[in-house]
Protein backbone atom coordinates (compact mmCIF):
# COMPACT_ATOMS: atom_id res chain seq x y z
CA MET A 1 0.03 0.00 -0.02
CA PRO A 2 1.47 3.39 -0.94
CA ARG A 3 2.34 5.80 1.87
CA PHE A 4 1.37 9.39 1.59
CA LYS A 5 3.05 12.19 3.45
CA THR A 6 0.71 14.38 5.39
CA PRO A 7 1.21 17.99 4.26
CA ALA A 8 2.94 20.04 6.89
CA THR A 9 0.87 22.79 8.34
CA HIS A 10 2.68 26.05 8.31
CA ARG A 11 1.60 29.20 10.01
CA LYS A 12 1.78 31.97 7.50
CA ARG A 13 3.48 35.06 8.87
CA LEU A 14 1.48 38.23 8.85
CA THR A 15 2.43 40.86 6.35
CA ALA A 16 3.07 44.30 7.75
CA SER A 17 -0.23 45.53 6.28
CA ALA A 18 -2.16 42.55 7.73
CA ARG A 19 -0.60 43.09 11.15
CA ARG A 20 -1.43 46.80 11.02
CA ALA A 21 -5.04 46.03 9.98
CA LEU A 22 -5.46 43.54 12.83
CA GLU A 23 -3.93 45.99 15.32
CA MET A 24 -6.45 48.58 14.18
CA LEU A 25 -9.31 46.05 14.73
CA ALA A 26 -7.96 44.69 18.05
CA PRO A 27 -9.49 47.22 20.45
CA ASP A 28 -12.95 46.84 18.97
CA PHE A 29 -14.05 46.90 15.34
CA ALA A 30 -14.13 49.27 12.37
CA THR A 31 -16.38 49.86 9.42
CA GLU A 32 -15.22 48.48 6.11
CA LYS A 33 -15.18 52.07 4.77
CA ILE A 34 -12.86 53.28 7.52
CA MET A 35 -10.46 50.41 6.79
CA LEU A 36 -10.46 51.26 3.08
CA ASP A 37 -10.00 54.94 3.87
CA GLN A 38 -6.97 54.09 6.02
CA GLY A 39 -5.33 52.57 2.90
CA PHE A 40 -6.07 48.92 3.39
CA THR A 41 -7.01 47.20 0.10
CA SER A 42 -10.20 45.16 -0.38
CA GLY A 43 -7.88 42.26 -1.29
CA LEU A 44 -6.16 42.40 2.09
CA LEU A 45 -9.48 42.57 3.93
CA THR A 46 -10.78 39.61 1.88
CA ASP A 47 -7.61 37.65 2.86
CA LEU A 48 -8.14 38.38 6.53
CA LEU A 49 -11.74 37.15 6.20
CA ARG A 50 -10.81 34.01 4.22
CA THR A 51 -8.18 33.02 6.77
CA ASN A 52 -10.59 33.59 9.65
CA LEU A 53 -8.44 36.33 11.19
CA ALA A 54 -11.34 38.75 10.93
CA MET A 55 -15.11 38.55 10.39
CA ARG A 56 -17.56 40.85 8.52
CA TYR A 57 -21.08 41.65 9.54
CA SER A 58 -23.66 44.23 8.54
CA ALA A 59 -26.08 46.11 10.70
CA PRO A 60 -28.57 48.89 10.07
CA LEU A 61 -27.66 52.35 11.25
CA LYS A 62 -30.22 55.14 11.55
CA VAL A 63 -29.01 58.40 10.08
CA GLY A 64 -31.55 61.17 10.43
CA ASP A 65 -34.79 59.95 9.00
CA SER A 66 -33.27 57.13 6.92
CA THR A 67 -31.55 53.87 7.70
CA VAL A 68 -28.34 52.65 6.01
CA GLU A 69 -26.67 49.30 6.07
CA VAL A 70 -23.15 49.54 7.50
CA THR A 71 -20.52 46.78 7.10
CA TYR A 72 -18.29 46.23 10.07
CA ILE A 73 -15.08 44.19 10.38
CA LYS A 74 -14.08 42.66 13.65
CA ILE A 75 -10.98 40.74 14.69
CA THR A 76 -11.52 37.07 15.62
CA ALA A 77 -9.82 34.98 18.37
CA ALA A 78 -7.62 33.52 15.67
CA GLY A 79 -6.68 37.08 14.64
CA ARG A 80 -5.71 37.92 18.18
CA ARG A 81 -3.60 34.79 18.42
CA ALA A 82 -1.90 35.68 15.11
CA LEU A 83 -1.01 39.12 16.59
CA GLU A 84 0.48 37.46 19.69
CA GLY A 85 2.61 34.93 17.74
């Protein structure tokens, strides 16, 4: 019977931009717009979401007489561990 090597699991190091983004999210959360306005790319935010270092959720926000849907990004427990390591 052939023997297969189990692929090694490697922890990917955070890029400087990813670390900065997670540090910005660490105290609480931020809107997606704020993160983009701070110079983070949508690709970087997508990578943080795909790797479970951050999560995205939407919530209604009342502004005057109207309600808008705001997208928030929050660091996950895995994101906090990545910052520590």
